[in-house]
Amino acid sequence: MSRKVAFITGITGQDGSYLAEFLLAKGYEVHGLIRRASTFNTSRIDHIYQDPHDPNPKLTLHYGDLTDGVGLTNLIREIQPTEIYNLAAQSHVMVSFTMPQYTAQVDAVGTVAILEAIRAIKKDIRFYQASTSELYGSTPPPQNEESKFRPRSPYASAKLMAYWSTVNYREAFGIHATNGILFNHESPRRGETFVTRKITRAVAAIKAGKQKKLYLGNLDAIRDWGYAKEYVESMWLMLQQPESSDYVVATGVGATVKEFATTAFTHAGLEWEKYVEIDEKYERPTEVDALIGDPSKAKQVMGWSAKTHWQELAKLMVDADIKNL
């Protein structure tokens, strides 16, 4: 049996936790990069955590940071992974407007650090880069692999450098390096400041009488929302292809923030108009009006397609937040 060792940056995040579960179920030895913090930040993977004193742990966590290129190179050399999934990022678009330099250091330069480590070590390591639909910015939908990139935030600009660096290292050095251009993907594990989770948590709290209002920004923004638990399979499939390429991963269906909120509130027996108010501070300096992906290539080449669409997703997230309140 061939050796299967995965190294996941961002393993404590939504996608990283689902990907770790997925790979462990496939018999992988999984290593994850975590940042040192004074408080525990591993809640999403506590259920699969293994004591490092176990004789043959299948999951091992390592301290590190994408801004430390030397440390990353040493760690990759030590782990000797067969696959690297770079999911770590400063991934909040609005925050990137107030922290543009940090966002660039982590999301852009950090990606180059991993690619350079692979090149220097000269091992047969396959690389997955978590790209984003935010690259398309003001390009009208539907967006596919050939659509123009027009980033509208420091986050998207940093991710654009990471995208082209991945392509460049693939073409220049023959590295099996792939960009997964994932459109918005959500779940009960989504960060609490992201709009979908902000909505479903508020629904649960309002229904329980613990919150009175929900403040949102642009209700007319259109997004293509899928289920993160399903999307991690596409990441793995990309690295199983004989030739590396880039893929859009999406449902192909768009909805407004207002429609998502309406569905979430209605599912809990509430009228959204009574609780939602607009606060301009949540509106971006440069808005992205509509992102709807065309996942035809992913279906044709890898046989992957989304099973859960946004209405069902909103309901399952509300149910989870009500249960966990």
Protein backbone atom coordinates (compact mmCIF):
# COMPACT_ATOMS: atom_id res chain seq x y z
CA MET A 1 0.00 0.00 0.00
CA SER A 2 1.43 3.37 -0.99
CA ARG A 3 2.23 5.89 1.72
CA LYS A 4 -0.49 8.54 2.17
CA VAL A 5 0.55 11.49 4.30
CA ALA A 6 -1.30 14.82 4.23
CA PHE A 7 -0.19 18.14 5.67
CA ILE A 8 -3.04 20.61 6.22
CA THR A 9 -2.50 24.26 7.02
CA GLY A 10 -5.59 25.80 8.59
CA ILE A 11 -6.62 22.46 10.06
CA THR A 12 -8.53 24.11 12.92
CA GLY A 13 -10.81 26.02 10.53
CA GLN A 14 -14.09 24.96 8.98
CA ASP A 15 -12.57 23.40 5.85
CA GLY A 16 -9.52 22.01 7.61
CA SER A 17 -11.57 20.11 10.17
CA TYR A 18 -13.83 18.55 7.54
CA LEU A 19 -10.84 17.69 5.33
CA ALA A 20 -9.00 16.07 8.25
CA GLU A 21 -12.04 13.88 8.95
CA PHE A 22 -12.32 12.98 5.27
CA LEU A 23 -8.65 12.04 4.89
CA LEU A 24 -8.50 10.07 8.14
CA ALA A 25 -11.48 8.02 6.92
CA LYS A 26 -9.46 7.27 3.77
CA GLY A 27 -6.55 5.93 5.80
CA TYR A 28 -4.25 8.94 5.60
CA GLU A 29 -1.72 9.96 8.20
CA VAL A 30 -2.69 13.60 8.78
CA HIS A 31 -0.50 16.44 10.03
CA GLY A 32 -1.91 19.86 10.80
CA LEU A 33 -0.38 23.31 11.24
CA ILE A 34 -1.71 25.34 14.16
CA ARG A 35 -0.72 28.72 15.56
CA ARG A 36 0.47 29.05 19.12
CA ALA A 37 -2.15 30.77 21.27
CA SER A 38 -2.67 31.31 24.97
CA THR A 39 -6.11 29.72 24.72
CA PHE A 40 -7.18 26.49 23.02
CA ASN A 41 -8.26 27.04 19.41
CA THR A 42 -8.84 23.45 18.33
CA SER A 43 -12.55 23.03 19.12
CA ARG A 44 -13.44 21.95 15.56
CA ILE A 45 -11.03 19.01 15.69
CA ASP A 46 -11.23 18.01 19.36
CA HIS A 47 -13.31 14.95 18.45
CA ILE A 48 -10.53 13.55 16.22
CA TYR A 49 -7.55 14.74 18.27
CA GLN A 50 -5.08 12.05 19.32
CA ASP A 51 -2.65 12.20 22.20
CA PRO A 52 0.89 12.65 20.83
CA HIS A 53 1.98 9.90 23.23
CA ASP A 54 -0.08 7.34 21.31
CA PRO A 55 2.30 4.86 19.66
CA ASN A 56 0.96 5.39 16.11
CA PRO A 57 -1.12 8.57 15.98
CA LYS A 58 -2.97 9.18 12.72
CA LEU A 59 -3.37 12.89 13.49
CA THR A 60 -0.47 15.07 14.62
CA LEU A 61 -0.54 18.83 15.20
CA HIS A 62 2.48 21.09 14.77
CA TYR A 63 3.00 24.69 15.80
CA GLY A 64 3.90 27.04 12.98
CA ASP A 65 2.86 30.02 10.90
CA LEU A 66 2.66 30.78 7.18
CA THR A 67 4.78 33.87 7.73
CA ASP A 68 7.72 31.70 8.87
CA GLY A 69 9.11 30.27 5.65
CA VAL A 70 12.15 28.61 7.24
CA GLY A 71 10.00 26.92 9.86
CA LEU A 72 7.58 25.68 7.18
CA THR A 73 10.42 24.24 5.09
CA ASN A 74 11.86 22.41 8.09
CA LEU A 75 8.45 21.06 9.04
CA ILE A 76 7.65 19.83 5.54
CA ARG A 77 11.06 18.17 5.33
CA GLU A 78 10.38 16.45 8.67
CA ILE A 79 6.84 15.29 7.85
CA GLN A 80 7.60 14.30 4.23
CA PRO A 81 3.96 14.61 3.13
CA THR A 82 2.67 13.23 -0.15
CA GLU A 83 -0.02 15.93 -0.27
CA ILE A 84 -0.19 19.48 1.09
CA TYR A 85 -3.47 21.34 1.46
CA ASN A 86 -2.95 25.06 2.04
CA LEU A 87 -6.20 26.17 3.68
CA ALA A 88 -4.75 28.68 6.16
CA ALA A 89 -5.50 32.33 5.49
CA GLN A 90 -6.73 35.61 6.81
CA SER A 91 -10.00 34.83 5.11
CA HIS A 92 -12.36 37.59 6.18
CA VAL A 93 -12.87 40.03 3.31
CA MET A 94 -13.98 42.99 5.44
CA VAL A 95 -11.08 42.51 7.86
CA SER A 96 -8.65 42.61 4.93
CA PHE A 97 -9.51 46.27 4.36
CA THR A 98 -8.20 47.11 7.85
CA MET A 99 -5.33 44.58 7.80
CA PRO A 100 -4.14 44.59 4.17
CA GLN A 101 -0.42 44.02 4.83
CA TYR A 102 -1.01 41.12 7.20
CA THR A 103 -3.49 39.61 4.74
CA ALA A 104 -0.90 39.80 1.97
CA GLN A 105 1.83 38.29 4.15
CA VAL A 106 -0.29 35.29 5.11
CA ASP A 107 -2.42 34.69 2.04
CA ALA A 108 0.08 35.56 -0.71
CA VAL A 109 3.64 35.34 0.63
CA GLY A 110 2.72 32.38 2.85
CA THR A 111 1.60 30.41 -0.19
CA VAL A 112 4.87 31.15 -1.96
CA ALA A 113 6.75 29.94 1.13
CA ILE A 114 5.10 26.51 0.85
CA LEU A 115 5.66 26.30 -2.90
CA GLU A 116 9.29 27.25 -2.44
CA ALA A 117 9.67 24.60 0.25
CA ILE A 118 8.31 21.95 -2.13
CA ARG A 119 10.67 23.11 -4.86
CA ALA A 120 13.68 23.11 -2.52
CA ILE A 121 12.96 19.71 -0.99
CA LYS A 122 12.47 18.22 -4.45
CA LYS A 123 10.04 15.57 -3.30
CA ASP A 124 7.01 14.33 -5.20
CA ILE A 125 4.55 16.39 -3.17
CA ARG A 126 1.16 17.35 -4.56
CA PHE A 127 -0.08 20.82 -3.59
CA TYR A 128 -3.60 22.17 -3.22
CA GLN A 129 -4.12 25.92 -2.94
CA ALA A 130 -7.40 27.15 -1.46
CA SER A 131 -8.36 29.84 -3.93
CA THR A 132 -11.56 31.85 -3.86
CA SER A 133 -14.46 33.13 -5.93
CA GLU A 134 -13.57 36.62 -4.65
CA LEU A 135 -10.93 36.66 -7.42
CA TYR A 136 -13.71 37.38 -9.92
CA GLY A 137 -14.84 40.54 -8.15
CA SER A 138 -16.78 42.68 -10.62
CA THR A 139 -16.79 40.08 -13.42
CA PRO A 140 -20.47 39.21 -14.06
CA PRO A 141 -21.70 35.65 -13.41
CA PRO A 142 -21.63 32.84 -14.18
CA GLN A 143 -17.90 32.59 -13.52
CA ASN A 144 -15.75 29.67 -14.67
CA GLU A 145 -12.05 28.85 -14.99
CA GLU A 146 -11.71 31.14 -18.02
CA SER A 147 -13.50 34.18 -16.56
CA LYS A 148 -11.48 37.34 -15.91
CA PHE A 149 -10.15 38.03 -12.42
CA ARG A 150 -11.08 41.50 -11.13
CA PRO A 151 -10.40 41.46 -7.37
CA ARG A 152 -12.21 44.05 -5.24
CA SER A 153 -10.51 43.68 -1.85
CA PRO A 154 -7.05 43.25 -0.31
CA TYR A 155 -8.06 39.66 0.46
CA ALA A 156 -8.87 38.92 -3.16
CA SER A 157 -5.71 40.69 -4.35
CA ALA A 158 -3.56 38.58 -2.02
CA LYS A 159 -5.33 35.42 -3.15
CA LEU A 160 -4.70 36.43 -6.76
CA MET A 161 -0.95 36.44 -6.15
CA ALA A 162 -1.28 33.02 -4.51
CA TYR A 163 -3.27 31.75 -7.50
CA TRP A 164 -0.73 32.85 -10.09
CA SER A 165 2.19 31.69 -7.94
CA THR A 166 0.63 28.22 -7.86
CA VAL A 167 0.26 28.27 -11.65
CA ASN A 168 3.82 29.55 -12.06
CA TYR A 169 5.40 26.86 -9.87
CA ARG A 170 3.40 24.24 -11.76
CA GLU A 171 4.63 25.47 -15.12
CA ALA A 172 8.18 26.43 -14.15
CA PHE A 173 9.13 23.53 -11.88
CA GLY A 174 6.72 20.74 -12.81
CA ILE A 175 5.07 20.66 -9.38
CA HIS A 176 1.64 19.02 -9.21
CA ALA A 177 0.02 22.23 -7.98
CA THR A 178 -3.70 22.95 -8.19
CA ASN A 179 -5.96 25.91 -7.42
CA GLY A 180 -9.39 25.07 -6.09
CA ILE A 181 -11.54 28.14 -6.82
CA LEU A 182 -14.19 27.45 -4.23
CA PHE A 183 -17.28 29.60 -4.14
CA ASN A 184 -18.84 30.36 -0.76
CA HIS A 185 -19.17 27.22 1.31
CA GLU A 186 -20.78 27.16 4.72
CA SER A 187 -21.65 24.81 7.57
CA PRO A 188 -22.40 24.75 11.30
CA ARG A 189 -18.62 25.06 11.72
CA ARG A 190 -18.43 28.33 9.79
CA GLY A 191 -16.77 31.20 11.64
CA GLU A 192 -19.27 33.24 13.62
CA THR A 193 -18.49 36.57 11.91
CA PHE A 194 -19.25 35.28 8.39
CA VAL A 195 -22.66 36.44 7.20
CA THR A 196 -24.39 33.05 6.88
CA ARG A 197 -23.35 31.89 10.34
CA LYS A 198 -24.04 35.34 11.76
CA ILE A 199 -27.58 34.98 10.46
CA THR A 200 -28.22 31.44 11.70
CA ARG A 201 -26.73 32.12 15.14
CA ALA A 202 -28.92 35.21 15.44
CA VAL A 203 -32.00 33.21 14.46
CA ALA A 204 -31.28 30.69 17.21
CA ALA A 205 -30.60 33.41 19.79
CA ILE A 206 -33.70 35.45 18.84
CA LYS A 207 -35.92 32.36 18.99
CA ALA A 208 -34.54 31.63 22.47
CA GLY A 209 -35.15 35.22 23.58
CA LYS A 210 -31.45 35.95 24.00
CA GLN A 211 -31.10 38.51 21.17
CA LYS A 212 -33.38 41.24 19.85
CA LYS A 213 -31.85 42.42 16.57
CA LEU A 214 -29.58 41.27 13.76
CA TYR A 215 -27.51 43.94 12.00
CA LEU A 216 -26.42 43.25 8.43
CA GLY A 217 -24.86 45.14 5.52
CA ASN A 218 -25.71 44.67 1.85
CA LEU A 219 -28.81 42.45 1.60
CA ASP A 220 -28.70 42.44 -2.20
CA ALA A 221 -25.30 40.76 -2.59
CA ILE A 222 -25.68 37.47 -4.48
CA ARG A 223 -23.59 34.44 -3.56
CA ASP A 224 -23.35 30.79 -4.55
CA TRP A 225 -23.52 28.98 -1.19
CA GLY A 226 -22.61 25.30 -0.86
CA TYR A 227 -21.98 22.86 1.98
CA ALA A 228 -18.34 22.84 3.15
CA LYS A 229 -18.49 19.20 4.22
CA GLU A 230 -19.10 18.23 0.58
CA TYR A 231 -16.57 20.63 -0.87
CA VAL A 232 -13.54 19.05 0.85
CA GLU A 233 -13.98 15.95 -1.31
CA SER A 234 -13.29 18.10 -4.37
CA MET A 235 -9.98 19.22 -2.83
CA TRP A 236 -8.89 15.60 -2.49
CA LEU A 237 -10.10 14.69 -5.97
CA MET A 238 -8.01 17.49 -7.49
CA LEU A 239 -4.83 15.96 -6.11
CA GLN A 240 -5.75 12.49 -7.40
CA GLN A 241 -5.78 13.66 -11.02
CA PRO A 242 -2.80 12.60 -13.15
CA GLU A 243 -2.29 16.18 -14.34
CA SER A 244 -2.73 19.27 -12.18
CA SER A 245 -5.13 22.00 -13.24
CA ASP A 246 -7.48 24.57 -11.70
CA TYR A 247 -11.14 24.00 -10.89
CA VAL A 248 -14.22 26.03 -9.98
CA VAL A 249 -16.21 24.37 -7.21
CA ALA A 250 -19.75 25.68 -6.77
CA THR A 251 -23.43 24.76 -6.83
CA GLY A 252 -24.21 26.91 -9.85
CA VAL A 253 -27.13 28.52 -7.98
CA GLY A 254 -27.10 32.03 -6.52
CA ALA A 255 -29.18 33.72 -3.83
CA THR A 256 -29.15 37.10 -2.12
CA VAL A 257 -28.24 37.64 1.51
CA LYS A 258 -31.86 38.68 1.99
CA GLU A 259 -33.10 35.36 0.58
CA PHE A 260 -30.75 33.39 2.82
CA ALA A 261 -31.89 35.37 5.87
CA THR A 262 -35.56 34.96 4.94
CA THR A 263 -35.17 31.19 4.64
CA ALA A 264 -33.31 30.95 7.95
CA PHE A 265 -35.84 33.02 9.91
CA THR A 266 -38.84 31.32 8.29
CA HIS A 267 -37.43 27.89 9.14
CA ALA A 268 -37.48 28.91 12.81
CA GLY A 269 -41.01 30.31 12.57
CA LEU A 270 -39.88 33.95 12.64
CA GLU A 271 -40.46 36.94 10.35
CA TRP A 272 -37.11 38.36 9.35
CA GLU A 273 -38.42 41.91 8.83
CA LYS A 274 -39.10 42.25 12.56
CA TYR A 275 -35.49 41.60 13.53
CA VAL A 276 -33.08 42.60 10.73
CA GLU A 277 -31.68 46.12 10.51
CA ILE A 278 -29.11 47.60 8.15
CA ASP A 279 -25.83 48.96 9.50
CA GLU A 280 -23.61 50.62 6.91
CA LYS A 281 -20.44 49.68 8.77
CA TYR A 282 -20.89 46.13 7.47
CA GLU A 283 -20.85 47.28 3.84
CA ARG A 284 -17.56 46.87 1.98
CA PRO A 285 -15.73 49.88 0.51
CA THR A 286 -15.85 48.06 -2.84
CA GLU A 287 -18.73 45.63 -3.10
CA VAL A 288 -18.83 42.40 -5.09
CA ASP A 289 -22.37 42.24 -6.42
CA ALA A 290 -22.77 38.68 -7.67
CA LEU A 291 -20.75 35.45 -7.56
CA ILE A 292 -22.28 32.35 -9.14
CA GLY A 293 -19.95 29.58 -10.21
CA ASP A 294 -20.05 27.29 -13.23
CA PRO A 295 -18.74 23.93 -11.92
CA SER A 296 -18.98 22.10 -15.27
CA LYS A 297 -15.27 21.25 -15.39
CA ALA A 298 -15.28 19.74 -11.90
CA LYS A 299 -18.18 17.50 -12.87
CA GLN A 300 -16.75 16.50 -16.25
CA VAL A 301 -13.18 15.82 -15.12
CA MET A 302 -13.60 14.64 -11.51
CA GLY A 303 -17.23 13.57 -11.37
CA TRP A 304 -17.87 16.00 -8.51
CA SER A 305 -21.08 17.95 -8.05
CA ALA A 306 -22.76 19.66 -5.09
CA LYS A 307 -25.58 17.79 -3.38
CA THR A 308 -26.74 20.44 -0.90
CA HIS A 309 -28.02 23.81 -2.11
CA TRP A 310 -28.47 27.01 -0.20
CA GLN A 311 -32.04 26.55 1.09
CA GLU A 312 -31.27 23.19 2.67
CA LEU A 313 -27.95 24.55 3.91
CA ALA A 314 -29.62 27.50 5.67
CA LYS A 315 -32.03 25.14 7.42
CA LEU A 316 -29.41 22.68 8.62
CA MET A 317 -27.29 25.54 9.96
CA VAL A 318 -30.26 26.99 11.86
CA ASP A 319 -31.06 23.57 13.31
CA ALA A 320 -27.45 23.14 14.46
CA ASP A 321 -27.30 26.58 16.08
CA ILE A 322 -30.62 26.04 17.88
CA LYS A 323 -29.37 22.67 19.15
CA ASN A 324 -26.01 24.06 20.30
CA LEU A 325 -27.28 27.27 21.88
